Amino acid sequence: MFVGLTGRLRVPPADGLADQVRSASCDHGIKRWRLCLTREQMESVAYRLWLHRMTGSAAEANRFARECGVAHCPYPAERDGPAPGVVVTTAPGKAAPRGAGSSGRG
């Protein structure tokens, strides 16, 4: 849906993300879709998951932050970066950054 709304979003998906989504393959053994993404595309996915979290569903964003180490944190109190909209990263396997909780507000 995120990729399909490209022309209507204020912050469009990263370049090449639509092609990667269209060429994704499903690994039926682990019941997951596989995407090969650049760092910029991963940050774009984190932003999309943050948008989804704002509608009341944080499960996907939390899982992505936990497994991929990327979370979008636009609120100054939730990140250690210099400006809103900065993507915060952690090493996979470590705790997600502050603000990656289910409320979306820390």
PDB file of N, CA and C in Angstrom:
ATOM      1  N   MET A   1       0.824  -1.183   0.000  1.00  0.00           N
ATOM      2  CA  MET A   1       0.000   0.000   0.000  1.00  0.00           C
ATOM      3  C   MET A   1       0.876   1.258   0.000  1.00  0.00           C
ATOM      4  N   PHE A   2       1.934   1.241   0.821  1.00  0.00           N
ATOM      5  CA  PHE A   2       2.849   2.382   0.915  1.00  0.00           C
ATOM      6  C   PHE A   2       3.428   2.725  -0.457  1.00  0.00           C
ATOM      7  N   VAL A   3       3.896   1.730  -1.167  1.00  0.00           N
ATOM      8  CA  VAL A   3       4.489   1.945  -2.488  1.00  0.00           C
ATOM      9  C   VAL A   3       3.427   2.425  -3.471  1.00  0.00           C
ATOM     10  N   GLY A   4       2.219   1.902  -3.346  1.00  0.00           N
ATOM     11  CA  GLY A   4       1.130   2.301  -4.232  1.00  0.00           C
ATOM     12  C   GLY A   4       0.689   3.739  -4.049  1.00  0.00           C
ATOM     13  N   LEU A   5       0.956   4.325  -2.905  1.00  0.00           N
ATOM     14  CA  LEU A   5       0.568   5.711  -2.612  1.00  0.00           C
ATOM     15  C   LEU A   5       1.671   6.712  -2.932  1.00  0.00           C
ATOM     16  N   THR A   6       2.700   6.290  -3.616  1.00  0.00           N
ATOM     17  CA  THR A   6       3.881   7.127  -3.862  1.00  0.00           C
ATOM     18  C   THR A   6       3.556   8.553  -4.279  1.00  0.00           C
ATOM     19  N   GLY A   7       2.694   8.763  -5.245  1.00  0.00           N
ATOM     20  CA  GLY A   7       2.389  10.104  -5.737  1.00  0.00           C
ATOM     21  C   GLY A   7       1.563  10.946  -4.789  1.00  0.00           C
ATOM     22  N   ARG A   8       1.013  10.337  -3.753  1.00  0.00           N
ATOM     23  CA  ARG A   8       0.132  11.055  -2.829  1.00  0.00           C
ATOM     24  C   ARG A   8       0.760  11.301  -1.462  1.00  0.00           C
ATOM     25  N   LEU A   9       1.962  10.826  -1.245  1.00  0.00           N
ATOM     26  CA  LEU A   9       2.625  10.984   0.046  1.00  0.00           C
ATOM     27  C   LEU A   9       3.542  12.200   0.062  1.00  0.00           C
ATOM     28  N   ARG A  10       3.610  12.865   1.202  1.00  0.00           N
ATOM     29  CA  ARG A  10       4.522  14.001   1.348  1.00  0.00           C
ATOM     30  C   ARG A  10       5.971  13.523   1.334  1.00  0.00           C
ATOM     31  N   VAL A  11       6.222  12.368   1.958  1.00  0.00           N
ATOM     32  CA  VAL A  11       7.550  11.756   1.953  1.00  0.00           C
ATOM     33  C   VAL A  11       7.425  10.442   1.181  1.00  0.00           C
ATOM     34  N   PRO A  12       7.842  10.431  -0.075  1.00  0.00           N
ATOM     35  CA  PRO A  12       7.676   9.225  -0.890  1.00  0.00           C
ATOM     36  C   PRO A  12       8.641   8.112  -0.484  1.00  0.00           C
ATOM     37  N   PRO A  13       8.321   6.868  -0.863  1.00  0.00           N
ATOM     38  CA  PRO A  13       9.246   5.756  -0.603  1.00  0.00           C
ATOM     39  C   PRO A  13      10.592   6.002  -1.281  1.00  0.00           C
ATOM     40  N   ALA A  14      11.633   5.394  -0.759  1.00  0.00           N
ATOM     41  CA  ALA A  14      12.982   5.533  -1.313  1.00  0.00           C
ATOM     42  C   ALA A  14      13.028   5.021  -2.749  1.00  0.00           C
ATOM     43  N   ASP A  15      13.943   5.579  -3.519  1.00  0.00           N
ATOM     44  CA  ASP A  15      14.125   5.132  -4.903  1.00  0.00           C
ATOM     45  C   ASP A  15      14.383   3.633  -4.952  1.00  0.00           C
ATOM     46  N   GLY A  16      13.709   2.964  -5.858  1.00  0.00           N
ATOM     47  CA  GLY A  16      13.922   1.541  -6.069  1.00  0.00           C
ATOM     48  C   GLY A  16      13.127   0.635  -5.147  1.00  0.00           C
ATOM     49  N   LEU A  17      12.474   1.198  -4.117  1.00  0.00           N
ATOM     50  CA  LEU A  17      11.730   0.359  -3.176  1.00  0.00           C
ATOM     51  C   LEU A  17      10.562  -0.339  -3.862  1.00  0.00           C
ATOM     52  N   ALA A  18       9.865   0.364  -4.736  1.00  0.00           N
ATOM     53  CA  ALA A  18       8.725  -0.245  -5.437  1.00  0.00           C
ATOM     54  C   ALA A  18       9.177  -1.468  -6.237  1.00  0.00           C
ATOM     55  N   ASP A  19      10.306  -1.370  -6.930  1.00  0.00           N
ATOM     56  CA  ASP A  19      10.812  -2.505  -7.703  1.00  0.00           C
ATOM     57  C   ASP A  19      11.177  -3.675  -6.796  1.00  0.00           C
ATOM     58  N   GLN A  20      11.773  -3.373  -5.652  1.00  0.00           N
ATOM     59  CA  GLN A  20      12.140  -4.433  -4.715  1.00  0.00           C
ATOM     60  C   GLN A  20      10.899  -5.127  -4.149  1.00  0.00           C
ATOM     61  N   VAL A  21       9.871  -4.350  -3.864  1.00  0.00           N
ATOM     62  CA  VAL A  21       8.627  -4.923  -3.334  1.00  0.00           C
ATOM     63  C   VAL A  21       7.987  -5.830  -4.383  1.00  0.00           C
ATOM     64  N   ARG A  22       7.966  -5.371  -5.630  1.00  0.00           N
ATOM     65  CA  ARG A  22       7.374  -6.179  -6.700  1.00  0.00           C
ATOM     66  C   ARG A  22       8.142  -7.469  -6.954  1.00  0.00           C
ATOM     67  N   SER A  23       9.436  -7.468  -6.699  1.00  0.00           N
ATOM     68  CA  SER A  23      10.244  -8.662  -6.954  1.00  0.00           C
ATOM     69  C   SER A  23      10.479  -9.506  -5.696  1.00  0.00           C
ATOM     70  N   ALA A  24       9.797  -9.175  -4.604  1.00  0.00           N
ATOM     71  CA  ALA A  24       9.963  -9.926  -3.350  1.00  0.00           C
ATOM     72  C   ALA A  24       9.511 -11.370  -3.543  1.00  0.00           C
ATOM     73  N   SER A  25      10.142 -12.255  -2.784  1.00  0.00           N
ATOM     74  CA  SER A  25       9.749 -13.669  -2.849  1.00  0.00           C
ATOM     75  C   SER A  25       9.362 -14.144  -1.451  1.00  0.00           C
ATOM     76  N   CYS A  26       8.453 -15.090  -1.416  1.00  0.00           N
ATOM     77  CA  CYS A  26       7.987 -15.630  -0.143  1.00  0.00           C
ATOM     78  C   CYS A  26       8.750 -16.911   0.164  1.00  0.00           C
ATOM     79  N   ASP A  27       9.323 -16.968   1.352  1.00  0.00           N
ATOM     80  CA  ASP A  27       9.972 -18.190   1.825  1.00  0.00           C
ATOM     81  C   ASP A  27       8.924 -18.938   2.631  1.00  0.00           C
ATOM     82  N   HIS A  28       8.318 -19.928   2.010  1.00  0.00           N
ATOM     83  CA  HIS A  28       7.220 -20.649   2.651  1.00  0.00           C
ATOM     84  C   HIS A  28       7.685 -21.463   3.858  1.00  0.00           C
ATOM     85  N   GLY A  29       8.965 -21.807   3.907  1.00  0.00           N
ATOM     86  CA  GLY A  29       9.498 -22.556   5.037  1.00  0.00           C
ATOM     87  C   GLY A  29       9.435 -21.777   6.341  1.00  0.00           C
ATOM     88  N   ILE A  30       9.725 -20.483   6.265  1.00  0.00           N
ATOM     89  CA  ILE A  30       9.680 -19.647   7.475  1.00  0.00           C
ATOM     90  C   ILE A  30       8.488 -18.688   7.464  1.00  0.00           C
ATOM     91  N   LYS A  31       7.684 -18.778   6.412  1.00  0.00           N
ATOM     92  CA  LYS A  31       6.470 -17.959   6.280  1.00  0.00           C
ATOM     93  C   LYS A  31       6.759 -16.473   6.369  1.00  0.00           C
ATOM     94  N   ARG A  32       7.772 -16.037   5.595  1.00  0.00           N
ATOM     95  CA  ARG A  32       8.136 -14.621   5.539  1.00  0.00           C
ATOM     96  C   ARG A  32       8.475 -14.233   4.110  1.00  0.00           C
ATOM     97  N   TRP A  33       8.255 -12.944   3.825  1.00  0.00           N
ATOM     98  CA  TRP A  33       8.654 -12.395   2.539  1.00  0.00           C
ATOM     99  C   TRP A  33      10.101 -11.951   2.641  1.00  0.00           C
ATOM    100  N   ARG A  34      10.857 -12.165   1.581  1.00  0.00           N
ATOM    101  CA  ARG A  34      12.266 -11.752   1.535  1.00  0.00           C
ATOM    102  C   ARG A  34      12.424 -10.569   0.590  1.00  0.00           C
ATOM    103  N   LEU A  35      13.052  -9.513   1.122  1.00  0.00           N
ATOM    104  CA  LEU A  35      13.360  -8.316   0.353  1.00  0.00           C
ATOM    105  C   LEU A  35      14.844  -8.020   0.504  1.00  0.00           C
ATOM    106  N   CYS A  36      15.485  -7.653  -0.576  1.00  0.00           N
ATOM    107  CA  CYS A  36      16.881  -7.208  -0.531  1.00  0.00           C
ATOM    108  C   CYS A  36      16.842  -5.691  -0.654  1.00  0.00           C
ATOM    109  N   LEU A  37      17.161  -4.989   0.442  1.00  0.00           N
ATOM    110  CA  LEU A  37      17.012  -3.542   0.480  1.00  0.00           C
ATOM    111  C   LEU A  37      18.322  -2.838   0.773  1.00  0.00           C
ATOM    112  N   THR A  38      18.442  -1.634   0.229  1.00  0.00           N
ATOM    113  CA  THR A  38      19.555  -0.758   0.572  1.00  0.00           C
ATOM    114  C   THR A  38      19.242  -0.120   1.934  1.00  0.00           C
ATOM    115  N   ARG A  39      20.226   0.538   2.512  1.00  0.00           N
ATOM    116  CA  ARG A  39      20.020   1.216   3.797  1.00  0.00           C
ATOM    117  C   ARG A  39      18.918   2.275   3.677  1.00  0.00           C
ATOM    118  N   GLU A  40      18.933   3.028   2.596  1.00  0.00           N
ATOM    119  CA  GLU A  40      17.921   4.063   2.379  1.00  0.00           C
ATOM    120  C   GLU A  40      16.521   3.446   2.265  1.00  0.00           C
ATOM    121  N   GLN A  41      16.419   2.312   1.591  1.00  0.00           N
ATOM    122  CA  GLN A  41      15.133   1.639   1.463  1.00  0.00           C
ATOM    123  C   GLN A  41      14.661   1.098   2.815  1.00  0.00           C
ATOM    124  N   MET A  42      15.591   0.598   3.637  1.00  0.00           N
ATOM    125  CA  MET A  42      15.225   0.128   4.974  1.00  0.00           C
ATOM    126  C   MET A  42      14.696   1.284   5.819  1.00  0.00           C
ATOM    127  N   GLU A  43      15.312   2.440   5.709  1.00  0.00           N
ATOM    128  CA  GLU A  43      14.855   3.614   6.443  1.00  0.00           C
ATOM    129  C   GLU A  43      13.463   4.025   5.977  1.00  0.00           C
ATOM    130  N   SER A  44      13.205   3.894   4.684  1.00  0.00           N
ATOM    131  CA  SER A  44      11.891   4.201   4.137  1.00  0.00           C
ATOM    132  C   SER A  44      10.839   3.234   4.676  1.00  0.00           C
ATOM    133  N   VAL A  45      11.190   1.960   4.779  1.00  0.00           N
ATOM    134  CA  VAL A  45      10.278   0.963   5.351  1.00  0.00           C
ATOM    135  C   VAL A  45      10.013   1.285   6.822  1.00  0.00           C
ATOM    136  N   ALA A  46      11.044   1.688   7.561  1.00  0.00           N
ATOM    137  CA  ALA A  46      10.866   2.057   8.964  1.00  0.00           C
ATOM    138  C   ALA A  46       9.899   3.235   9.094  1.00  0.00           C
ATOM    139  N   TYR A  47      10.002   4.190   8.189  1.00  0.00           N
ATOM    140  CA  TYR A  47       9.083   5.337   8.190  1.00  0.00           C
ATOM    141  C   TYR A  47       7.655   4.869   7.925  1.00  0.00           C
ATOM    142  N   ARG A  48       7.482   3.980   6.961  1.00  0.00           N
ATOM    143  CA  ARG A  48       6.160   3.450   6.633  1.00  0.00           C
ATOM    144  C   ARG A  48       5.566   2.733   7.845  1.00  0.00           C
ATOM    145  N   LEU A  49       6.387   1.941   8.531  1.00  0.00           N
ATOM    146  CA  LEU A  49       5.901   1.226   9.709  1.00  0.00           C
ATOM    147  C   LEU A  49       5.545   2.197  10.831  1.00  0.00           C
ATOM    148  N   TRP A  50       6.274   3.314  10.934  1.00  0.00           N
ATOM    149  CA  TRP A  50       5.942   4.339  11.915  1.00  0.00           C
ATOM    150  C   TRP A  50       4.577   4.956  11.582  1.00  0.00           C
ATOM    151  N   LEU A  51       4.335   5.210  10.301  1.00  0.00           N
ATOM    152  CA  LEU A  51       3.027   5.736   9.890  1.00  0.00           C
ATOM    153  C   LEU A  51       1.920   4.766  10.289  1.00  0.00           C
ATOM    154  N   HIS A  52       2.160   3.483  10.075  1.00  0.00           N
ATOM    155  CA  HIS A  52       1.180   2.460  10.428  1.00  0.00           C
ATOM    156  C   HIS A  52       0.976   2.426  11.945  1.00  0.00           C
ATOM    157  N   ARG A  53       2.041   2.611  12.693  1.00  0.00           N
ATOM    158  CA  ARG A  53       1.949   2.637  14.157  1.00  0.00           C
ATOM    159  C   ARG A  53       1.029   3.765  14.616  1.00  0.00           C
ATOM    160  N   MET A  54       1.081   4.896  13.933  1.00  0.00           N
ATOM    161  CA  MET A  54       0.247   6.032  14.315  1.00  0.00           C
ATOM    162  C   MET A  54      -1.239   5.738  14.126  1.00  0.00           C
ATOM    163  N   THR A  55      -1.584   4.715  13.363  1.00  0.00           N
ATOM    164  CA  THR A  55      -2.986   4.319  13.195  1.00  0.00           C
ATOM    165  C   THR A  55      -3.395   3.308  14.252  1.00  0.00           C
ATOM    166  N   GLY A  56      -2.477   2.921  15.124  1.00  0.00           N
ATOM    167  CA  GLY A  56      -2.823   2.055  16.235  1.00  0.00           C
ATOM    168  C   GLY A  56      -2.217   0.667  16.211  1.00  0.00           C
ATOM    169  N   SER A  57      -1.396   0.337  15.222  1.00  0.00           N
ATOM    170  CA  SER A  57      -0.792  -0.995  15.169  1.00  0.00           C
ATOM    171  C   SER A  57       0.721  -0.872  15.180  1.00  0.00           C
ATOM    172  N   ALA A  58       1.330  -1.231  16.303  1.00  0.00           N
ATOM    173  CA  ALA A  58       2.772  -1.083  16.454  1.00  0.00           C
ATOM    174  C   ALA A  58       3.538  -2.387  16.268  1.00  0.00           C
ATOM    175  N   ALA A  59       2.854  -3.505  16.125  1.00  0.00           N
ATOM    176  CA  ALA A  59       3.531  -4.802  16.082  1.00  0.00           C
ATOM    177  C   ALA A  59       4.579  -4.883  14.972  1.00  0.00           C
ATOM    178  N   GLU A  60       4.224  -4.440  13.772  1.00  0.00           N
ATOM    179  CA  GLU A  60       5.162  -4.530  12.656  1.00  0.00           C
ATOM    180  C   GLU A  60       6.375  -3.638  12.875  1.00  0.00           C
ATOM    181  N   ALA A  61       6.153  -2.410  13.345  1.00  0.00           N
ATOM    182  CA  ALA A  61       7.259  -1.481  13.580  1.00  0.00           C
ATOM    183  C   ALA A  61       8.182  -2.009  14.675  1.00  0.00           C
ATOM    184  N   ASN A  62       7.605  -2.554  15.729  1.00  0.00           N
ATOM    185  CA  ASN A  62       8.419  -3.099  16.817  1.00  0.00           C
ATOM    186  C   ASN A  62       9.260  -4.266  16.328  1.00  0.00           C
ATOM    187  N   ARG A  63       8.670  -5.154  15.548  1.00  0.00           N
ATOM    188  CA  ARG A  63       9.396  -6.320  15.035  1.00  0.00           C
ATOM    189  C   ARG A  63      10.531  -5.885  14.104  1.00  0.00           C
ATOM    190  N   PHE A  64      10.253  -4.916  13.231  1.00  0.00           N
ATOM    191  CA  PHE A  64      11.271  -4.427  12.293  1.00  0.00           C
ATOM    192  C   PHE A  64      12.431  -3.797  13.062  1.00  0.00           C
ATOM    193  N   ALA A  65      12.119  -3.014  14.091  1.00  0.00           N
ATOM    194  CA  ALA A  65      13.173  -2.393  14.909  1.00  0.00           C
ATOM    195  C   ALA A  65      13.995  -3.456  15.617  1.00  0.00           C
ATOM    196  N   ARG A  66      13.329  -4.461  16.137  1.00  0.00           N
ATOM    197  CA  ARG A  66      14.020  -5.520  16.877  1.00  0.00           C
ATOM    198  C   ARG A  66      14.887  -6.374  15.947  1.00  0.00           C
ATOM    199  N   GLU A  67      14.360  -6.762  14.789  1.00  0.00           N
ATOM    200  CA  GLU A  67      15.069  -7.689  13.917  1.00  0.00           C
ATOM    201  C   GLU A  67      16.048  -7.012  12.958  1.00  0.00           C
ATOM    202  N   CYS A  68      15.734  -5.797  12.525  1.00  0.00           N
ATOM    203  CA  CYS A  68      16.590  -5.120  11.541  1.00  0.00           C
ATOM    204  C   CYS A  68      17.388  -3.968  12.134  1.00  0.00           C
ATOM    205  N   GLY A  69      17.028  -3.546  13.330  1.00  0.00           N
ATOM    206  CA  GLY A  69      17.766  -2.477  13.975  1.00  0.00           C
ATOM    207  C   GLY A  69      17.479  -1.101  13.425  1.00  0.00           C
ATOM    208  N   VAL A  70      16.299  -0.902  12.816  1.00  0.00           N
ATOM    209  CA  VAL A  70      15.960   0.394  12.238  1.00  0.00           C
ATOM    210  C   VAL A  70      14.583   0.811  12.738  1.00  0.00           C
ATOM    211  N   ALA A  71      14.491   2.029  13.259  1.00  0.00           N
ATOM    212  CA  ALA A  71      13.219   2.577  13.714  1.00  0.00           C
ATOM    213  C   ALA A  71      13.160   4.052  13.377  1.00  0.00           C
ATOM    214  N   HIS A  72      12.005   4.536  13.030  1.00  0.00           N
ATOM    215  CA  HIS A  72      11.809   5.953  12.747  1.00  0.00           C
ATOM    216  C   HIS A  72      11.305   6.613  14.017  1.00  0.00           C
ATOM    217  N   CYS A  73      12.011   7.625  14.506  1.00  0.00           N
ATOM    218  CA  CYS A  73      11.657   8.296  15.762  1.00  0.00           C
ATOM    219  C   CYS A  73      11.638   9.803  15.549  1.00  0.00           C
ATOM    220  N   PRO A  74      10.475  10.372  15.232  1.00  0.00           N
ATOM    221  CA  PRO A  74      10.426  11.808  14.943  1.00  0.00           C
ATOM    222  C   PRO A  74      10.339  12.711  16.161  1.00  0.00           C
ATOM    223  N   TYR A  75      10.133  12.151  17.355  1.00  0.00           N
ATOM    224  CA  TYR A  75       9.952  12.982  18.534  1.00  0.00           C
ATOM    225  C   TYR A  75      11.275  13.182  19.253  1.00  0.00           C
ATOM    226  N   PRO A  76      11.683  14.428  19.519  1.00  0.00           N
ATOM    227  CA  PRO A  76      12.981  14.705  20.144  1.00  0.00           C
ATOM    228  C   PRO A  76      13.228  13.938  21.435  1.00  0.00           C
ATOM    229  N   ALA A  77      12.221  13.715  22.265  1.00  0.00           N
ATOM    230  CA  ALA A  77      12.413  13.035  23.542  1.00  0.00           C
ATOM    231  C   ALA A  77      12.672  11.537  23.368  1.00  0.00           C
ATOM    232  N   GLU A  78      12.436  11.001  22.163  1.00  0.00           N
ATOM    233  CA  GLU A  78      12.562   9.565  21.943  1.00  0.00           C
ATOM    234  C   GLU A  78      13.864   9.162  21.265  1.00  0.00           C
ATOM    235  N   ARG A  79      14.710  10.099  20.943  1.00  0.00           N
ATOM    236  CA  ARG A  79      15.919   9.745  20.200  1.00  0.00           C
ATOM    237  C   ARG A  79      17.085  10.555  20.711  1.00  0.00           C
ATOM    238  N   ASP A  80      18.248  10.146  20.293  1.00  0.00           N
ATOM    239  CA  ASP A  80      19.461  10.853  20.697  1.00  0.00           C
ATOM    240  C   ASP A  80      20.026  11.673  19.555  1.00  0.00           C
ATOM    241  N   GLY A  81      19.310  11.792  18.459  1.00  0.00           N
ATOM    242  CA  GLY A  81      19.793  12.490  17.275  1.00  0.00           C
ATOM    243  C   GLY A  81      19.495  13.975  17.320  1.00  0.00           C
ATOM    244  N   PRO A  82      19.986  14.729  16.324  1.00  0.00           N
ATOM    245  CA  PRO A  82      19.884  16.174  16.342  1.00  0.00           C
ATOM    246  C   PRO A  82      18.584  16.763  15.803  1.00  0.00           C
ATOM    247  N   ALA A  83      17.793  16.003  15.019  1.00  0.00           N
ATOM    248  CA  ALA A  83      16.629  16.615  14.384  1.00  0.00           C
ATOM    249  C   ALA A  83      15.495  15.617  14.212  1.00  0.00           C
ATOM    250  N   PRO A  84      14.247  16.107  14.225  1.00  0.00           N
ATOM    251  CA  PRO A  84      13.118  15.222  14.004  1.00  0.00           C
ATOM    252  C   PRO A  84      13.237  14.491  12.676  1.00  0.00           C
ATOM    253  N   GLY A  85      12.711  13.271  12.632  1.00  0.00           N
ATOM    254  CA  GLY A  85      12.729  12.503  11.409  1.00  0.00           C
ATOM    255  C   GLY A  85      13.980  11.671  11.219  1.00  0.00           C
ATOM    256  N   VAL A  86      14.925  11.783  12.141  1.00  0.00           N
ATOM    257  CA  VAL A  86      16.155  11.008  12.046  1.00  0.00           C
ATOM    258  C   VAL A  86      15.836   9.544  12.295  1.00  0.00           C
ATOM    259  N   VAL A  87      16.415   8.677  11.517  1.00  0.00           N
ATOM    260  CA  VAL A  87      16.221   7.251  11.728  1.00  0.00           C
ATOM    261  C   VAL A  87      17.263   6.784  12.725  1.00  0.00           C
ATOM    262  N   VAL A  88      16.816   6.152  13.794  1.00  0.00           N
ATOM    263  CA  VAL A  88      17.685   5.671  14.851  1.00  0.00           C
ATOM    264  C   VAL A  88      17.968   4.201  14.612  1.00  0.00           C
ATOM    265  N   THR A  89      19.220   3.804  14.750  1.00  0.00           N
ATOM    266  CA  THR A  89      19.558   2.403  14.528  1.00  0.00           C
ATOM    267  C   THR A  89      20.178   1.796  15.776  1.00  0.00           C
ATOM    268  N   THR A  90      20.007   0.497  15.907  1.00  0.00           N
ATOM    269  CA  THR A  90      20.679  -0.278  16.934  1.00  0.00           C
ATOM    270  C   THR A  90      21.179  -1.538  16.264  1.00  0.00           C
ATOM    271  N   ALA A  91      22.120  -2.199  16.877  1.00  0.00           N
ATOM    272  CA  ALA A  91      22.608  -3.461  16.317  1.00  0.00           C
ATOM    273  C   ALA A  91      21.529  -4.522  16.469  1.00  0.00           C
ATOM    274  N   PRO A  92      21.332  -5.381  15.444  1.00  0.00           N
ATOM    275  CA  PRO A  92      20.353  -6.453  15.569  1.00  0.00           C
ATOM    276  C   PRO A  92      20.642  -7.287  16.811  1.00  0.00           C
ATOM    277  N   GLY A  93      19.568  -7.651  17.514  1.00  0.00           N
ATOM    278  CA  GLY A  93      19.710  -8.444  18.720  1.00  0.00           C
ATOM    279  C   GLY A  93      19.770  -7.601  19.981  1.00  0.00           C
ATOM    280  N   LYS A  94      20.019  -6.301  19.845  1.00  0.00           N
ATOM    281  CA  LYS A  94      20.039  -5.415  21.013  1.00  0.00           C
ATOM    282  C   LYS A  94      18.663  -4.794  21.175  1.00  0.00           C
ATOM    283  N   ALA A  95      18.457  -4.133  22.281  1.00  0.00           N
ATOM    284  CA  ALA A  95      17.169  -3.493  22.546  1.00  0.00           C
ATOM    285  C   ALA A  95      16.891  -2.431  21.496  1.00  0.00           C
ATOM    286  N   ALA A  96      15.636  -2.315  21.117  1.00  0.00           N
ATOM    287  CA  ALA A  96      15.226  -1.277  20.174  1.00  0.00           C
ATOM    288  C   ALA A  96      15.398   0.082  20.840  1.00  0.00           C
ATOM    289  N   PRO A  97      15.536   1.140  20.040  1.00  0.00           N
ATOM    290  CA  PRO A  97      15.717   2.462  20.612  1.00  0.00           C
ATOM    291  C   PRO A  97      14.495   2.899  21.404  1.00  0.00           C
ATOM    292  N   ARG A  98      14.720   3.819  22.348  1.00  0.00           N
ATOM    293  CA  ARG A  98      13.577   4.362  23.073  1.00  0.00           C
ATOM    294  C   ARG A  98      12.565   4.861  22.076  1.00  0.00           C
ATOM    295  N   GLY A  99      11.292   4.680  22.381  1.00  0.00           N
ATOM    296  CA  GLY A  99      10.259   5.137  21.474  1.00  0.00           C
ATOM    297  C   GLY A  99       9.748   4.041  20.582  1.00  0.00           C
ATOM    298  N   ALA A 100      10.334   2.858  20.634  1.00  0.00           N
ATOM    299  CA  ALA A 100       9.871   1.770  19.781  1.00  0.00           C
ATOM    300  C   ALA A 100       8.830   0.918  20.494  1.00  0.00           C
ATOM    301  N   GLY A 101       8.303   1.443  21.602  1.00  0.00           N
ATOM    302  CA  GLY A 101       7.266   0.722  22.346  1.00  0.00           C
ATOM    303  C   GLY A 101       5.940   0.766  21.646  1.00  0.00           C
ATOM    304  N   SER A 102       4.961   0.089  22.191  1.00  0.00           N
ATOM    305  CA  SER A 102       3.683  -0.053  21.524  1.00  0.00           C
ATOM    306  C   SER A 102       2.897   1.250  21.420  1.00  0.00           C
ATOM    307  N   SER A 103       3.161   2.212  22.273  1.00  0.00           N
ATOM    308  CA  SER A 103       2.389   3.446  22.214  1.00  0.00           C
ATOM    309  C   SER A 103       2.836   4.361  21.087  1.00  0.00           C
ATOM    310  N   GLY A 104       4.057   4.193  20.619  1.00  0.00           N
ATOM    311  CA  GLY A 104       4.590   5.076  19.601  1.00  0.00           C
ATOM    312  C   GLY A 104       5.092   6.389  20.179  1.00  0.00           C
ATOM    313  N   ARG A 105       4.963   6.571  21.466  1.00  0.00           N
ATOM    314  CA  ARG A 105       5.389   7.812  22.103  1.00  0.00           C
ATOM    315  C   ARG A 105       6.385   7.564  23.225  1.00  0.00           C
ATOM    316  N   GLY A 106       6.910   6.345  23.348  1.00  0.00           N
ATOM    317  CA  GLY A 106       7.940   6.090  24.335  1.00  0.00           C
ATOM    318  C   GLY A 106       7.526   5.439  25.561  1.00  0.00           C
TER     319      GLY A 106
END
